[in-house]
Amino acid sequence: MKFTITSIFLFLAIYGLSAQDAPTADELLTNAIAAQQFAGINAGVAVGDEVIWLGADGYCSEDRQTPCNIDTRQRIASISKTFTAVAALQLQEKGLLDFDLPIVHYLPDYPAFAAQKITARQLLHHTAGIGGYLSGKETETTKEYATLAEAITIFQGRELLFEPGTQYQYSTYGYVLLGRVIEVASGQSFNDYIQINIFDKAGMAQSGVDIFEQEYQNKSAFFYRTRKGKIKNADANNLSNRVPGGGIYSNAPDMLKFGQALLNGTLLQDSSLALMQTYPDVDRGKNNPYGMGLFLYGDNPTVGPVIGHSGEQTGAAAQMMLFPEKKAVIIVLSNTALAWRDAFQLSVNLFPLVAK
């Protein structure tokens, strides 16, 4: 999935931060469901250490009879990349991962034509030249990859799209490769590492890696929206080929905890959070600047810098917004694919709660 929202301020100009007749947060969710933007949704806002609003609307079961609630677990899709970037930065803080060493240092068996050129820093910034899914078959696969070592065999023999470090190309597979580097650098499986060092540290008891065909309590069914605006049921796909780039599930309260832990120093040092917000000077077309696991949406005179990540995949469209100066978080999670622009717009419509 390629995200190309080029100006967050376009949306801010349309909806305004201080409109007196703006709908309430709960009404925003109700209106979105009524407009069939999503089958079901849960969302939340936190400022500092306080959760100031949580809400849910729509349905989250295949028979469309079970309503979503604030604790409903949803796929977070590409927001998973932010978790992977945090893991990499944690290892750098400990001196276990050098961002500028060629990854052959960590993966001596990876094809040399790529491993001798690519660095972890380039993988973090999407400037390594790793491509994306070649077909819908790769995206909607039901094949199980037991390890990341197996998952990277999907793409490791493919030619690089460009000389590493010279261009930008958003790549979920690039983050899968980064996840494998994290495993070697940490001496743990990726799943174990993020459980101990991110989920547990942030107090995220309702989050984890989405395992194909495993049943989870209070986890949403999957839907998608057609081009004609109809909501239809979707078949589950297997995310084991992309866990570090898009294989995590969570819910609104847990995602607020993640954002708070990232902004308040629980997960990273201040210098690492600042590093996440830097980006290389390469041509990225109309895309927002991409730091390390974060899109950089720009500065707003009311709420300050806005950073975050979008996500969309089978059964999910999601948006996380972070406000470093306000120490604030907005999260929007839905169970409906092909709706990420609406998830983005909804998150912007919630800005007034942060601006107060």
Foldseek 3Di string as FASTA:
>chain_A
DDDQPQAPVVLCVVQPLDDPPFDDLQVLQVVCVVLLLFQKKKKFKDFAPGTPDIAIAHAFEQVRPHGAGQFFKAFQFQLLLLLLLLLQQVLVVVVLFDQPQQLCVQVVPQPCVQSRQHGNQLLQQQQSQFDEDPDVCVQQAADADPALVRLLVVGRPPDGNDRGPAAHDDYLSSQSVSQSSSCSSVVHGSQVSCVVQQCVLLVQPFKGFDAPPDDDPNYGFAWAADPVSDIHGDDHGGCNSRRSRTGMMGGHVSVQSRLLCLLVVSRHDPVSSVQQPDADPHDPDSHARGGRSKGWNQADPQQGTKIWDWRFGTQWTWTWIARNVRSMIIIMIGRYGPNNVVRSSSSSSCCSVSRD
